[in-house]
C-alpha atoms as a PDB file:
ATOM      1  CA  MET A   1    -114.810  38.164 -48.664  1.00  0.00           C
ATOM      2  CA  LEU A   2    -116.403  36.058 -51.367  1.00  0.00           C
ATOM      3  CA  VAL A   3    -117.218  33.364 -48.781  1.00  0.00           C
ATOM      4  CA  PHE A   4    -119.026  35.906 -46.614  1.00  0.00           C
ATOM      5  CA  ARG A   5    -121.088  37.054 -49.594  1.00  0.00           C
ATOM      6  CA  ASP A   6    -122.601  33.618 -50.147  1.00  0.00           C
ATOM      7  CA  ILE A   7    -123.683  33.099 -46.513  1.00  0.00           C
ATOM      8  CA  PRO A   8    -127.379  33.625 -45.704  1.00  0.00           C
ATOM      9  CA  ILE A   9    -128.299  36.892 -43.953  1.00  0.00           C
ATOM     10  CA  LYS A  10    -129.277  35.034 -40.769  1.00  0.00           C
ATOM     11  CA  ASN A  11    -125.735  33.617 -40.412  1.00  0.00           C
ATOM     12  CA  LYS A  12    -124.148  36.968 -41.323  1.00  0.00           C
ATOM     13  CA  LEU A  13    -126.067  38.616 -38.483  1.00  0.00           C
ATOM     14  CA  ARG A  14    -124.982  35.885 -36.068  1.00  0.00           C
ATOM     15  CA  ILE A  15    -121.317  36.368 -37.035  1.00  0.00           C
ATOM     16  CA  ILE A  16    -121.565  40.145 -36.671  1.00  0.00           C
ATOM     17  CA  ILE A  17    -123.290  39.844 -33.282  1.00  0.00           C
ATOM     18  CA  ILE A  18    -120.757  37.279 -32.003  1.00  0.00           C
ATOM     19  CA  LEU A  19    -117.770  39.349 -33.203  1.00  0.00           C
ATOM     20  CA  THR A  20    -119.191  42.543 -31.711  1.00  0.00           C
ATOM     21  CA  SER A  21    -119.962  40.818 -28.406  1.00  0.00           C
ATOM     22  CA  GLY A  22    -116.493  39.257 -28.313  1.00  0.00           C
ATOM     23  CA  ILE A  23    -114.758  42.571 -28.938  1.00  0.00           C
ATOM     24  CA  VAL A  24    -116.857  44.340 -26.286  1.00  0.00           C
ATOM     25  CA  LEU A  25    -116.161  41.504 -23.831  1.00  0.00           C
ATOM     26  CA  LEU A  26    -112.405  41.725 -24.451  1.00  0.00           C
ATOM     27  CA  LEU A  27    -112.389  45.504 -24.031  1.00  0.00           C
ATOM     28  CA  ALA A  28    -114.445  45.353 -20.833  1.00  0.00           C
ATOM     29  CA  SER A  29    -112.228  42.595 -19.405  1.00  0.00           C
ATOM     30  CA  GLY A  30    -109.120  44.616 -20.239  1.00  0.00           C
ATOM     31  CA  ALA A  31    -110.581  47.677 -18.526  1.00  0.00           C
ATOM     32  CA  PHE A  32    -111.457  45.690 -15.384  1.00  0.00           C
ATOM     33  CA  VAL A  33    -108.011  44.080 -15.175  1.00  0.00           C
ATOM     34  CA  THR A  34    -106.288  47.445 -15.658  1.00  0.00           C
ATOM     35  CA  ASP A  35    -108.463  49.044 -12.986  1.00  0.00           C
ATOM     36  CA  GLU A  36    -107.716  46.218 -10.539  1.00  0.00           C
ATOM     37  CA  LEU A  37    -103.965  46.513 -11.122  1.00  0.00           C
ATOM     38  CA  ILE A  38    -104.021  50.272 -10.571  1.00  0.00           C
ATOM     39  CA  THR A  39    -106.150  49.866  -7.441  1.00  0.00           C
ATOM     40  CA  LEU A  40    -103.856  47.133  -6.084  1.00  0.00           C
ATOM     41  CA  ARG A  41    -100.758  49.278  -6.590  1.00  0.00           C
ATOM     42  CA  GLN A  42    -102.372  52.276  -4.888  1.00  0.00           C
ATOM     43  CA  ARG A  43    -103.606  50.155  -1.990  1.00  0.00           C
ATOM     44  CA  THR A  44    -100.100  48.720  -1.540  1.00  0.00           C
ATOM     45  CA  VAL A  45     -98.617  52.227  -1.491  1.00  0.00           C
ATOM     46  CA  ASP A  46    -101.225  53.398   1.026  1.00  0.00           C
ATOM     47  CA  ASP A  47    -100.604  50.366   3.269  1.00  0.00           C
ATOM     48  CA  LEU A  48     -96.841  50.933   3.266  1.00  0.00           C
ATOM     49  CA  PHE A  49     -97.289  54.611   4.076  1.00  0.00           C
ATOM     50  CA  VAL A  50     -99.466  53.633   7.048  1.00  0.00           C
ATOM     51  CA  LEU A  51     -96.811  51.174   8.249  1.00  0.00           C
ATOM     52  CA  ALA A  52     -94.057  53.764   7.778  1.00  0.00           C
ATOM     53  CA  ASP A  53     -96.122  56.315   9.683  1.00  0.00           C
ATOM     54  CA  LEU A  54     -96.681  53.847  12.548  1.00  0.00           C
ATOM     55  CA  VAL A  55     -92.965  53.042  12.723  1.00  0.00           C
ATOM     56  CA  GLY A  56     -92.194  56.764  12.706  1.00  0.00           C
ATOM     57  CA  ILE A  57     -94.710  57.635  15.410  1.00  0.00           C
ATOM     58  CA  ASN A  58     -93.591  54.756  17.630  1.00  0.00           C
ATOM     59  CA  SER A  59     -89.913  55.624  17.084  1.00  0.00           C
ATOM     60  CA  THR A  60     -90.228  59.327  17.894  1.00  0.00           C
ATOM     61  CA  ALA A  61     -89.408  58.966  21.587  1.00  0.00           C
ATOM     62  CA  GLY A  62     -86.508  56.631  20.851  1.00  0.00           C
ATOM     63  CA  ILE A  63     -84.994  59.127  18.431  1.00  0.00           C
ATOM     64  CA  LEU A  64     -85.565  62.158  20.648  1.00  0.00           C
ATOM     65  CA  PHE A  65     -84.074  60.464  23.725  1.00  0.00           C
ATOM     66  CA  ASP A  66     -81.420  58.591  21.712  1.00  0.00           C
ATOM     67  CA  VAL A  67     -82.573  55.093  22.704  1.00  0.00           C
ATOM     68  CA  GLN A  68     -81.652  53.081  19.633  1.00  0.00           C
ATOM     69  CA  SER A  69     -82.899  49.785  21.080  1.00  0.00           C
ATOM     70  CA  THR A  70     -86.470  51.166  21.225  1.00  0.00           C
ATOM     71  CA  VAL A  71     -86.343  52.152  17.578  1.00  0.00           C
ATOM     72  CA  GLU A  72     -84.880  48.731  16.674  1.00  0.00           C
ATOM     73  CA  GLU A  73     -87.790  47.022  18.461  1.00  0.00           C
ATOM     74  CA  ASN A  74     -90.344  49.218  16.679  1.00  0.00           C
ATOM     75  CA  ILE A  75     -88.903  48.609  13.250  1.00  0.00           C
ATOM     76  CA  ALA A  76     -88.590  44.859  13.945  1.00  0.00           C
ATOM     77  CA  ALA A  77     -92.392  44.734  14.135  1.00  0.00           C
ATOM     78  CA  LEU A  78     -92.360  44.954  10.334  1.00  0.00           C
ATOM     79  CA  LYS A  79     -91.604  41.232  10.250  1.00  0.00           C
ATOM     80  CA  ALA A  80     -95.372  40.755  10.568  1.00  0.00           C
ATOM     81  CA  ASN A  81     -95.624  41.778   6.906  1.00  0.00           C
ATOM     82  CA  SER A  82     -93.839  39.094   4.893  1.00  0.00           C
ATOM     83  CA  HIS A  83     -93.554  41.336   1.829  1.00  0.00           C
ATOM     84  CA  ILE A  84     -91.246  43.863   3.476  1.00  0.00           C
ATOM     85  CA  ILE A  85     -87.659  43.034   2.536  1.00  0.00           C
ATOM     86  CA  PHE A  86     -85.944  45.669   4.635  1.00  0.00           C
ATOM     87  CA  ALA A  87     -86.481  49.005   6.305  1.00  0.00           C
ATOM     88  CA  HIS A  88     -84.342  51.752   7.789  1.00  0.00           C
ATOM     89  CA  VAL A  89     -84.851  54.677  10.114  1.00  0.00           C
ATOM     90  CA  PHE A  90     -82.594  57.610   9.301  1.00  0.00           C
ATOM     91  CA  LEU A  91     -81.894  60.750  11.307  1.00  0.00           C
ATOM     92  CA  THR A  92     -82.263  64.268   9.862  1.00  0.00           C
ATOM     93  CA  ASP A  93     -78.574  64.372   8.929  1.00  0.00           C
ATOM     94  CA  GLY A  94     -79.239  61.353   6.704  1.00  0.00           C
ATOM     95  CA  SER A  95     -77.317  58.861   8.812  1.00  0.00           C
ATOM     96  CA  TRP A  96     -78.637  55.379   9.529  1.00  0.00           C
ATOM     97  CA  TYR A  97     -80.143  54.899  12.997  1.00  0.00           C
ATOM     98  CA  ALA A  98     -82.008  51.580  12.982  1.00  0.00           C
ATOM     99  CA  SER A  99     -82.629  48.809  10.501  1.00  0.00           C
ATOM    100  CA  TYR A 100     -84.773  45.761   9.803  1.00  0.00           C
ATOM    101  CA  LEU A 101     -83.772  43.002   7.383  1.00  0.00           C
ATOM    102  CA  LYS A 102     -86.167  40.193   6.497  1.00  0.00           C
ATOM    103  CA  GLU A 103     -85.077  36.802   7.749  1.00  0.00           C
ATOM    104  CA  GLY A 104     -83.516  34.760   4.979  1.00  0.00           C
ATOM    105  CA  VAL A 105     -82.204  37.758   3.041  1.00  0.00           C
ATOM    106  CA  ASN A 106     -78.415  37.477   2.974  1.00  0.00           C
ATOM    107  CA  GLN A 107     -77.645  41.115   2.429  1.00  0.00           C
ATOM    108  CA  GLU A 108     -79.310  44.418   1.762  1.00  0.00           C
ATOM    109  CA  PRO A 109     -80.410  44.389  -1.879  1.00  0.00           C
ATOM    110  CA  GLN A 110     -78.779  46.619  -4.518  1.00  0.00           C
ATOM    111  CA  ILE A 111     -77.685  49.605  -2.464  1.00  0.00           C
ATOM    112  CA  ASP A 112     -74.955  49.240   0.115  1.00  0.00           C
ATOM    113  CA  SER A 113     -75.059  52.571   1.902  1.00  0.00           C
ATOM    114  CA  SER A 114     -76.048  53.989   5.247  1.00  0.00           C
ATOM    115  CA  ASN A 115     -77.189  57.394   3.982  1.00  0.00           C
ATOM    116  CA  VAL A 116     -80.811  58.185   3.116  1.00  0.00           C
ATOM    117  CA  SER A 117     -79.791  60.507   0.273  1.00  0.00           C
ATOM    118  CA  ASP A 118     -78.161  57.625  -1.591  1.00  0.00           C
ATOM    119  CA  TYR A 119     -81.437  55.712  -1.479  1.00  0.00           C
ATOM    120  CA  TYR A 120     -83.745  58.611  -2.211  1.00  0.00           C
ATOM    121  CA  PHE A 121     -81.834  60.364  -4.961  1.00  0.00           C
ATOM    122  CA  LEU A 122     -81.025  57.149  -6.809  1.00  0.00           C
ATOM    123  CA  GLU A 123     -84.431  57.654  -8.415  1.00  0.00           C
ATOM    124  CA  GLY A 124     -83.145  60.876  -9.979  1.00  0.00           C
ATOM    125  CA  VAL A 125     -85.313  63.153  -7.878  1.00  0.00           C
ATOM    126  CA  SER A 126     -84.422  66.731  -8.681  1.00  0.00           C
ATOM    127  CA  GLY A 127     -84.954  69.781  -6.571  1.00  0.00           C
ATOM    128  CA  ASP A 128     -83.559  71.170  -3.356  1.00  0.00           C
ATOM    129  CA  ARG A 129     -82.206  67.770  -2.176  1.00  0.00           C
ATOM    130  CA  GLN A 130     -84.720  67.554   0.662  1.00  0.00           C
ATOM    131  CA  ILE A 131     -86.227  64.146   1.431  1.00  0.00           C
ATOM    132  CA  GLU A 132     -90.010  64.143   1.016  1.00  0.00           C
ATOM    133  CA  ASP A 133     -92.783  61.610   1.587  1.00  0.00           C
ATOM    134  CA  LYS A 134     -92.678  59.731  -1.697  1.00  0.00           C
ATOM    135  CA  HIS A 135     -92.854  56.272  -3.177  1.00  0.00           C
ATOM    136  CA  PHE A 136     -91.037  54.725  -6.115  1.00  0.00           C
ATOM    137  CA  PHE A 137     -91.687  51.566  -8.079  1.00  0.00           C
ATOM    138  CA  ARG A 138     -88.333  50.073  -9.065  1.00  0.00           C
ATOM    139  CA  ASP A 139     -87.959  46.797 -10.929  1.00  0.00           C
ATOM    140  CA  ASP A 140     -89.958  44.343  -8.829  1.00  0.00           C
ATOM    141  CA  HIS A 141     -90.338  46.299  -5.606  1.00  0.00           C
ATOM    142  CA  LEU A 142     -91.850  49.401  -4.041  1.00  0.00           C
ATOM    143  CA  GLU A 143     -89.896  51.892  -1.944  1.00  0.00           C
ATOM    144  CA  VAL A 144     -91.551  54.302   0.488  1.00  0.00           C
ATOM    145  CA  PHE A 145     -89.992  57.313   2.219  1.00  0.00           C
ATOM    146  CA  LYS A 146     -91.918  58.845   5.128  1.00  0.00           C
ATOM    147  CA  GLN A 147     -90.724  61.662   7.339  1.00  0.00           C
ATOM    148  CA  ILE A 148     -90.853  61.328  11.102  1.00  0.00           C
ATOM    149  CA  ILE A 149     -92.395  64.524  12.462  1.00  0.00           C
ATOM    150  CA  SER A 150     -92.361  65.589  16.111  1.00  0.00           C
ATOM    151  CA  ASP A 151     -93.862  68.933  17.194  1.00  0.00           C
ATOM    152  CA  GLY A 152     -93.923  70.074  13.575  1.00  0.00           C
ATOM    153  CA  GLU A 153     -90.229  69.359  13.069  1.00  0.00           C
ATOM    154  CA  ASN A 154     -88.665  66.623  10.953  1.00  0.00           C
ATOM    155  CA  ILE A 155     -86.535  64.366  13.176  1.00  0.00           C
ATOM    156  CA  GLY A 156     -85.897  61.550  10.717  1.00  0.00           C
ATOM    157  CA  THR A 157     -87.091  59.424   7.818  1.00  0.00           C
ATOM    158  CA  VAL A 158     -88.501  55.910   7.563  1.00  0.00           C
ATOM    159  CA  TYR A 159     -87.554  53.961   4.457  1.00  0.00           C
ATOM    160  CA  ILE A 160     -89.351  50.704   3.606  1.00  0.00           C
ATOM    161  CA  ARG A 161     -88.799  48.384   0.677  1.00  0.00           C
END
């Protein structure tokens, strides 16, 4: 502090102005980066929900008329998005109906099960054990669960990672 005392007032003002400007610049930059990260995450969630909804809508007839090949073709369209690792379509009883696995992925990551409850409730979701439209950020990926609704009735669930 003794060094600062001997500096002329003009230089003291410069130092104070530069420090204040630097701190404000750092805080503003931090706020912008944080806002961008939050917006990016929300946009990613919204995009995956739209994709899950499209897969569900396009798979409705295949599920209702038990044409698994139609549902497989619909879910295979997810290969257009290179970030999707895998996806499943489950029936209302929780059993696996159709699946998509990204090319180059040797096996289904982490969870080796064919039941939607095992995927959904791994997150520790409490309640009445009913699958809802939700998303979860786990480790380095995002998981989306979207119900397939036909005539107001749930006929299945789309799961995308």
